[in-house]
Amino acid sequence: MSRYHGHMTAPLAHFAINADDLPATRSFYEAVFGWQFKAWGPPSFYQIDTGSDGEREAVTGALQHRRELVAGTRITGFECTFAVDDVDAAARRVVDGGGRILMEKTTITGVGDLIWIEDPAGNIVGAMRYDVNAQ
């Protein structure tokens, strides 16, 4: 990994598509990009296999029912999560950088620690410390 301003860079690790009509949205991405979907975890949640072109590693994706991380604000863009080494340090950098924490650190068993943040432009982003042993 490369360093940026004294911190390790945070690669894009996961994206989610929020949808009101999951079957129609799934069919769209299957037809347009050839993605494959499989049910995983909570109801109405699908992991997306975006494939690989042999040069680039695929980013893990998900299709899920639309949600509001900020009350009254429906998520309409892709919801991106970046991998970080330390969620607490990332949260401090968010606040210092003019953003805000939307969801305090939450541990997802077998996945890791996650926070949801809002950047100064109002974009919602996740930061996750991935850890398969998280409890």
N, C-alpha and C. Protein backbone atom coordinates (compact mmCIF):
# COMPACT_ATOMS: atom_id res chain seq x y z
N MET A 1 0.83 -1.19 0.00
CA MET A 1 0.00 0.00 0.00
C MET A 1 0.87 1.24 0.00
N SER A 2 0.37 2.29 -0.57
CA SER A 2 1.11 3.55 -0.58
C SER A 2 0.64 4.43 0.57
N ARG A 3 1.47 5.38 0.91
CA ARG A 3 1.12 6.31 1.99
C ARG A 3 0.64 7.63 1.40
N TYR A 4 -0.30 8.26 2.08
CA TYR A 4 -0.83 9.54 1.64
C TYR A 4 -0.98 10.41 2.86
N HIS A 5 -0.24 11.51 2.92
CA HIS A 5 -0.26 12.42 4.07
C HIS A 5 -0.04 11.68 5.39
N GLY A 6 0.87 10.70 5.38
CA GLY A 6 1.20 10.01 6.61
C GLY A 6 0.23 8.90 6.99
N HIS A 7 -0.80 8.67 6.19
CA HIS A 7 -1.77 7.61 6.47
C HIS A 7 -1.72 6.59 5.35
N MET A 8 -2.08 5.38 5.66
CA MET A 8 -2.20 4.38 4.61
C MET A 8 -3.43 4.74 3.77
N THR A 9 -3.33 4.51 2.49
CA THR A 9 -4.50 4.78 1.65
C THR A 9 -5.59 3.76 1.95
N ALA A 10 -6.82 4.12 1.70
CA ALA A 10 -7.96 3.25 1.98
C ALA A 10 -8.59 2.82 0.65
N PRO A 11 -8.39 1.58 0.24
CA PRO A 11 -8.96 1.13 -1.04
C PRO A 11 -10.47 0.92 -0.96
N LEU A 12 -11.13 1.11 -2.10
CA LEU A 12 -12.55 0.80 -2.19
C LEU A 12 -12.68 -0.71 -2.02
N ALA A 13 -13.46 -1.14 -1.03
CA ALA A 13 -13.57 -2.56 -0.72
C ALA A 13 -14.95 -3.13 -1.00
N HIS A 14 -15.98 -2.28 -0.99
CA HIS A 14 -17.35 -2.79 -1.12
C HIS A 14 -18.24 -1.67 -1.63
N PHE A 15 -19.23 -2.04 -2.43
CA PHE A 15 -20.26 -1.08 -2.82
C PHE A 15 -21.61 -1.75 -2.67
N ALA A 16 -22.64 -0.95 -2.44
CA ALA A 16 -24.00 -1.48 -2.36
C ALA A 16 -24.90 -0.64 -3.24
N ILE A 17 -25.84 -1.32 -3.87
CA ILE A 17 -26.87 -0.66 -4.67
C ILE A 17 -28.16 -0.72 -3.86
N ASN A 18 -28.72 0.44 -3.56
CA ASN A 18 -29.98 0.52 -2.84
C ASN A 18 -31.11 0.57 -3.86
N ALA A 19 -32.13 -0.27 -3.66
CA ALA A 19 -33.21 -0.32 -4.64
C ALA A 19 -34.55 -0.55 -3.97
N ASP A 20 -35.60 0.01 -4.56
CA ASP A 20 -36.95 -0.22 -4.10
C ASP A 20 -37.49 -1.52 -4.69
N ASP A 21 -37.16 -1.80 -5.95
CA ASP A 21 -37.62 -3.00 -6.65
C ASP A 21 -36.39 -3.87 -6.92
N LEU A 22 -36.12 -4.79 -5.99
CA LEU A 22 -34.92 -5.61 -6.10
C LEU A 22 -34.90 -6.50 -7.35
N PRO A 23 -36.00 -7.20 -7.69
CA PRO A 23 -35.96 -8.05 -8.89
C PRO A 23 -35.66 -7.26 -10.17
N ALA A 24 -36.27 -6.11 -10.34
CA ALA A 24 -36.03 -5.30 -11.54
C ALA A 24 -34.60 -4.79 -11.59
N THR A 25 -34.09 -4.38 -10.43
CA THR A 25 -32.72 -3.85 -10.38
C THR A 25 -31.72 -4.98 -10.65
N ARG A 26 -31.98 -6.13 -10.06
CA ARG A 26 -31.11 -7.29 -10.29
C ARG A 26 -31.09 -7.65 -11.78
N SER A 27 -32.26 -7.73 -12.38
CA SER A 27 -32.35 -8.06 -13.81
C SER A 27 -31.60 -7.05 -14.67
N PHE A 28 -31.69 -5.77 -14.31
CA PHE A 28 -31.01 -4.72 -15.05
C PHE A 28 -29.50 -4.96 -15.06
N TYR A 29 -28.91 -5.18 -13.88
CA TYR A 29 -27.45 -5.35 -13.81
C TYR A 29 -26.98 -6.68 -14.38
N GLU A 30 -27.83 -7.71 -14.31
CA GLU A 30 -27.50 -8.98 -14.96
C GLU A 30 -27.42 -8.76 -16.47
N ALA A 31 -28.40 -8.02 -17.02
CA ALA A 31 -28.46 -7.80 -18.47
C ALA A 31 -27.38 -6.84 -18.95
N VAL A 32 -27.15 -5.77 -18.21
CA VAL A 32 -26.21 -4.73 -18.66
C VAL A 32 -24.75 -5.14 -18.46
N PHE A 33 -24.42 -5.69 -17.28
CA PHE A 33 -23.02 -5.98 -16.95
C PHE A 33 -22.69 -7.46 -16.79
N GLY A 34 -23.70 -8.33 -16.85
CA GLY A 34 -23.45 -9.75 -16.70
C GLY A 34 -23.16 -10.18 -15.27
N TRP A 35 -23.51 -9.35 -14.29
CA TRP A 35 -23.25 -9.67 -12.88
C TRP A 35 -24.12 -10.83 -12.44
N GLN A 36 -23.63 -11.58 -11.46
CA GLN A 36 -24.39 -12.67 -10.86
C GLN A 36 -24.68 -12.33 -9.40
N PHE A 37 -25.85 -12.74 -8.93
CA PHE A 37 -26.33 -12.39 -7.59
C PHE A 37 -26.61 -13.65 -6.79
N LYS A 38 -26.29 -13.61 -5.49
CA LYS A 38 -26.68 -14.73 -4.61
C LYS A 38 -27.15 -14.17 -3.28
N ALA A 39 -28.24 -14.78 -2.76
CA ALA A 39 -28.78 -14.35 -1.47
C ALA A 39 -27.72 -14.57 -0.40
N TRP A 40 -27.63 -13.61 0.53
CA TRP A 40 -26.63 -13.69 1.59
C TRP A 40 -27.12 -12.91 2.80
N GLY A 41 -26.98 -13.48 3.98
CA GLY A 41 -27.27 -12.76 5.22
C GLY A 41 -28.71 -12.38 5.39
N PRO A 42 -28.95 -11.08 5.66
CA PRO A 42 -30.32 -10.63 5.97
C PRO A 42 -31.27 -10.80 4.79
N PRO A 43 -32.58 -10.81 5.06
CA PRO A 43 -33.56 -10.92 3.96
C PRO A 43 -33.38 -9.78 2.95
N SER A 44 -33.65 -10.08 1.70
CA SER A 44 -33.58 -9.08 0.62
C SER A 44 -32.19 -8.45 0.52
N PHE A 45 -31.15 -9.27 0.72
CA PHE A 45 -29.77 -8.81 0.60
C PHE A 45 -29.04 -9.82 -0.28
N TYR A 46 -28.39 -9.34 -1.32
CA TYR A 46 -27.71 -10.20 -2.28
C TYR A 46 -26.26 -9.76 -2.43
N GLN A 47 -25.34 -10.72 -2.46
CA GLN A 47 -23.97 -10.41 -2.83
C GLN A 47 -23.90 -10.41 -4.35
N ILE A 48 -23.07 -9.51 -4.88
CA ILE A 48 -22.92 -9.40 -6.33
C ILE A 48 -21.53 -9.88 -6.72
N ASP A 49 -21.49 -10.80 -7.68
CA ASP A 49 -20.22 -11.22 -8.28
C ASP A 49 -20.07 -10.40 -9.55
N THR A 50 -19.16 -9.43 -9.50
CA THR A 50 -18.97 -8.53 -10.64
C THR A 50 -17.96 -9.09 -11.64
N GLY A 51 -17.36 -10.24 -11.32
CA GLY A 51 -16.42 -10.85 -12.25
C GLY A 51 -15.06 -10.18 -12.20
N SER A 52 -14.18 -10.62 -13.07
CA SER A 52 -12.82 -10.08 -13.15
C SER A 52 -12.40 -10.09 -14.60
N ASP A 53 -11.57 -9.13 -14.97
CA ASP A 53 -11.10 -9.10 -16.36
C ASP A 53 -9.69 -9.64 -16.47
N GLY A 54 -9.18 -10.25 -15.39
CA GLY A 54 -7.84 -10.80 -15.42
C GLY A 54 -6.77 -9.80 -15.05
N GLU A 55 -7.09 -8.52 -15.07
CA GLU A 55 -6.11 -7.48 -14.73
C GLU A 55 -6.46 -6.83 -13.40
N ARG A 56 -7.73 -6.58 -13.19
CA ARG A 56 -8.17 -5.89 -11.97
C ARG A 56 -8.94 -6.85 -11.08
N GLU A 57 -8.72 -6.71 -9.77
CA GLU A 57 -9.48 -7.49 -8.81
C GLU A 57 -10.87 -6.87 -8.68
N ALA A 58 -11.89 -7.72 -8.64
CA ALA A 58 -13.26 -7.22 -8.53
C ALA A 58 -13.53 -6.71 -7.11
N VAL A 59 -14.31 -5.64 -7.02
CA VAL A 59 -14.76 -5.11 -5.74
C VAL A 59 -16.04 -5.84 -5.37
N THR A 60 -16.17 -6.23 -4.10
CA THR A 60 -17.37 -6.93 -3.65
C THR A 60 -18.56 -5.98 -3.67
N GLY A 61 -19.69 -6.47 -4.13
CA GLY A 61 -20.89 -5.64 -4.19
C GLY A 61 -22.07 -6.28 -3.49
N ALA A 62 -23.11 -5.49 -3.27
CA ALA A 62 -24.35 -5.98 -2.68
C ALA A 62 -25.53 -5.24 -3.29
N LEU A 63 -26.66 -5.92 -3.31
CA LEU A 63 -27.93 -5.32 -3.69
C LEU A 63 -28.83 -5.44 -2.47
N GLN A 64 -29.43 -4.32 -2.05
CA GLN A 64 -30.23 -4.32 -0.83
C GLN A 64 -31.40 -3.37 -0.96
N HIS A 65 -32.41 -3.55 -0.08
CA HIS A 65 -33.52 -2.60 -0.04
C HIS A 65 -33.00 -1.22 0.31
N ARG A 66 -33.56 -0.22 -0.34
CA ARG A 66 -33.15 1.17 -0.10
C ARG A 66 -33.31 1.51 1.37
N ARG A 67 -32.36 2.28 1.87
CA ARG A 67 -32.42 2.69 3.27
C ARG A 67 -32.07 4.16 3.41
N GLU A 68 -32.23 4.66 4.61
CA GLU A 68 -31.91 6.04 4.94
C GLU A 68 -30.92 6.04 6.08
N LEU A 69 -29.65 6.34 5.81
CA LEU A 69 -28.67 6.49 6.88
C LEU A 69 -28.84 7.84 7.56
N VAL A 70 -29.40 8.80 6.82
CA VAL A 70 -29.80 10.09 7.38
C VAL A 70 -31.32 10.13 7.24
N ALA A 71 -32.03 10.30 8.36
CA ALA A 71 -33.49 10.28 8.34
C ALA A 71 -34.03 11.24 7.29
N GLY A 72 -34.95 10.75 6.43
CA GLY A 72 -35.56 11.58 5.41
C GLY A 72 -34.75 11.72 4.14
N THR A 73 -33.55 11.12 4.09
CA THR A 73 -32.69 11.21 2.90
C THR A 73 -32.47 9.81 2.33
N ARG A 74 -33.16 9.52 1.22
CA ARG A 74 -33.02 8.22 0.58
C ARG A 74 -31.69 8.13 -0.15
N ILE A 75 -31.01 7.01 0.00
CA ILE A 75 -29.74 6.82 -0.70
C ILE A 75 -30.05 6.44 -2.14
N THR A 76 -29.56 7.25 -3.08
CA THR A 76 -29.83 6.98 -4.49
C THR A 76 -28.57 6.62 -5.27
N GLY A 77 -27.40 6.98 -4.78
CA GLY A 77 -26.16 6.62 -5.46
C GLY A 77 -25.61 5.31 -4.92
N PHE A 78 -24.55 4.82 -5.51
CA PHE A 78 -23.91 3.62 -4.97
C PHE A 78 -23.34 3.99 -3.60
N GLU A 79 -23.50 3.07 -2.67
CA GLU A 79 -23.04 3.24 -1.29
C GLU A 79 -21.67 2.55 -1.23
N CYS A 80 -20.60 3.32 -1.04
CA CYS A 80 -19.24 2.77 -1.09
C CYS A 80 -18.63 2.66 0.29
N THR A 81 -17.92 1.56 0.53
CA THR A 81 -17.22 1.34 1.78
C THR A 81 -15.74 1.16 1.48
N PHE A 82 -14.91 1.89 2.23
CA PHE A 82 -13.47 1.84 2.06
C PHE A 82 -12.84 1.10 3.23
N ALA A 83 -11.80 0.31 2.95
CA ALA A 83 -11.10 -0.46 3.97
C ALA A 83 -10.10 0.43 4.69
N VAL A 84 -10.17 0.45 6.02
CA VAL A 84 -9.22 1.22 6.84
C VAL A 84 -8.62 0.29 7.90
N ASP A 85 -7.45 0.67 8.40
CA ASP A 85 -6.79 -0.13 9.43
C ASP A 85 -7.36 0.15 10.82
N ASP A 86 -7.91 1.34 11.03
CA ASP A 86 -8.35 1.76 12.35
C ASP A 86 -9.58 2.67 12.20
N VAL A 87 -10.74 2.15 12.56
CA VAL A 87 -12.01 2.89 12.40
C VAL A 87 -12.04 4.11 13.32
N ASP A 88 -11.52 3.98 14.54
CA ASP A 88 -11.52 5.11 15.48
C ASP A 88 -10.68 6.26 14.94
N ALA A 89 -9.50 5.95 14.41
CA ALA A 89 -8.64 6.98 13.83
C ALA A 89 -9.30 7.60 12.61
N ALA A 90 -9.96 6.77 11.79
CA ALA A 90 -10.67 7.29 10.61
C ALA A 90 -11.77 8.25 11.04
N ALA A 91 -12.50 7.89 12.10
CA ALA A 91 -13.59 8.75 12.60
C ALA A 91 -13.04 10.11 13.05
N ARG A 92 -11.89 10.10 13.72
CA ARG A 92 -11.28 11.38 14.13
C ARG A 92 -10.91 12.22 12.90
N ARG A 93 -10.38 11.57 11.88
CA ARG A 93 -10.01 12.31 10.65
C ARG A 93 -11.25 12.85 9.95
N VAL A 94 -12.36 12.13 10.01
CA VAL A 94 -13.62 12.61 9.41
C VAL A 94 -14.04 13.92 10.06
N VAL A 95 -14.09 13.93 11.39
CA VAL A 95 -14.51 15.12 12.13
C VAL A 95 -13.52 16.26 11.90
N ASP A 96 -12.22 15.96 11.98
CA ASP A 96 -11.20 16.98 11.75
C ASP A 96 -11.27 17.54 10.33
N GLY A 97 -11.72 16.71 9.38
CA GLY A 97 -11.79 17.12 7.98
C GLY A 97 -13.09 17.81 7.60
N GLY A 98 -13.98 18.01 8.56
CA GLY A 98 -15.21 18.74 8.28
C GLY A 98 -16.41 17.85 7.97
N GLY A 99 -16.27 16.54 8.13
CA GLY A 99 -17.39 15.64 7.91
C GLY A 99 -18.10 15.35 9.22
N ARG A 100 -19.04 14.40 9.16
CA ARG A 100 -19.72 14.01 10.40
C ARG A 100 -19.97 12.52 10.41
N ILE A 101 -20.07 11.98 11.62
CA ILE A 101 -20.31 10.56 11.81
C ILE A 101 -21.83 10.35 11.79
N LEU A 102 -22.31 9.47 10.91
CA LEU A 102 -23.73 9.17 10.83
C LEU A 102 -24.08 7.95 11.68
N MET A 103 -23.15 7.00 11.76
CA MET A 103 -23.36 5.81 12.57
C MET A 103 -22.04 5.51 13.29
N GLU A 104 -22.09 5.49 14.61
CA GLU A 104 -20.90 5.18 15.40
C GLU A 104 -20.44 3.76 15.09
N LYS A 105 -19.22 3.45 15.51
CA LYS A 105 -18.63 2.15 15.24
C LYS A 105 -19.56 1.01 15.66
N THR A 106 -19.81 0.12 14.72
CA THR A 106 -20.63 -1.06 14.93
C THR A 106 -19.82 -2.27 14.46
N THR A 107 -19.84 -3.34 15.24
CA THR A 107 -19.13 -4.55 14.83
C THR A 107 -20.11 -5.51 14.17
N ILE A 108 -19.75 -5.97 12.98
CA ILE A 108 -20.52 -6.97 12.26
C ILE A 108 -19.74 -8.28 12.40
N THR A 109 -20.34 -9.25 13.08
CA THR A 109 -19.67 -10.52 13.35
C THR A 109 -19.14 -11.15 12.07
N GLY A 110 -17.87 -11.51 12.08
CA GLY A 110 -17.24 -12.16 10.94
C GLY A 110 -16.88 -11.24 9.80
N VAL A 111 -17.16 -9.94 9.95
CA VAL A 111 -16.85 -8.98 8.88
C VAL A 111 -15.89 -7.90 9.38
N GLY A 112 -16.26 -7.22 10.48
CA GLY A 112 -15.37 -6.19 11.02
C GLY A 112 -16.11 -5.04 11.65
N ASP A 113 -15.37 -3.95 11.90
CA ASP A 113 -15.92 -2.73 12.50
C ASP A 113 -16.25 -1.73 11.41
N LEU A 114 -17.44 -1.11 11.50
CA LEU A 114 -17.94 -0.23 10.45
C LEU A 114 -18.44 1.08 11.04
N ILE A 115 -18.15 2.18 10.35
CA ILE A 115 -18.79 3.47 10.63
C ILE A 115 -19.35 3.99 9.31
N TRP A 116 -20.43 4.77 9.41
CA TRP A 116 -20.95 5.49 8.24
C TRP A 116 -20.72 6.96 8.50
N ILE A 117 -20.24 7.64 7.47
CA ILE A 117 -19.88 9.05 7.59
C ILE A 117 -20.51 9.85 6.47
N GLU A 118 -20.52 11.16 6.65
CA GLU A 118 -20.97 12.08 5.60
C GLU A 118 -19.83 13.04 5.35
N ASP A 119 -19.42 13.19 4.09
CA ASP A 119 -18.35 14.13 3.77
C ASP A 119 -18.92 15.55 3.72
N PRO A 120 -18.05 16.56 3.61
CA PRO A 120 -18.55 17.94 3.61
C PRO A 120 -19.53 18.26 2.47
N ALA A 121 -19.53 17.44 1.40
CA ALA A 121 -20.43 17.67 0.27
C ALA A 121 -21.75 16.92 0.43
N GLY A 122 -21.91 16.18 1.55
CA GLY A 122 -23.16 15.46 1.78
C GLY A 122 -23.16 14.03 1.26
N ASN A 123 -22.02 13.54 0.76
CA ASN A 123 -21.94 12.16 0.28
C ASN A 123 -21.78 11.21 1.47
N ILE A 124 -22.47 10.08 1.41
CA ILE A 124 -22.42 9.10 2.49
C ILE A 124 -21.44 8.00 2.10
N VAL A 125 -20.53 7.69 3.03
CA VAL A 125 -19.44 6.75 2.78
C VAL A 125 -19.26 5.87 4.01
N GLY A 126 -18.90 4.61 3.79
CA GLY A 126 -18.59 3.72 4.90
C GLY A 126 -17.09 3.55 5.04
N ALA A 127 -16.64 3.32 6.27
CA ALA A 127 -15.24 2.97 6.55
C ALA A 127 -15.27 1.72 7.40
N MET A 128 -14.58 0.67 6.95
CA MET A 128 -14.64 -0.65 7.61
C MET A 128 -13.24 -1.15 7.88
N ARG A 129 -13.04 -1.63 9.12
CA ARG A 129 -11.83 -2.39 9.45
C ARG A 129 -12.23 -3.84 9.31
N TYR A 130 -11.81 -4.46 8.22
CA TYR A 130 -12.20 -5.84 7.95
C TYR A 130 -11.45 -6.79 8.88
N ASP A 131 -12.19 -7.73 9.48
CA ASP A 131 -11.63 -8.70 10.41
C ASP A 131 -12.57 -9.90 10.46
N VAL A 132 -12.17 -11.02 9.86
CA VAL A 132 -13.03 -12.20 9.82
C VAL A 132 -13.30 -12.76 11.22
N ASN A 133 -12.49 -12.37 12.21
CA ASN A 133 -12.66 -12.85 13.58
C ASN A 133 -13.46 -11.87 14.44
N ALA A 134 -14.00 -10.81 13.85
CA ALA A 134 -14.75 -9.81 14.61
C ALA A 134 -15.96 -10.46 15.27
N GLN A 135 -16.24 -10.02 16.51
CA GLN A 135 -17.39 -10.55 17.26
C GLN A 135 -18.27 -9.43 17.72
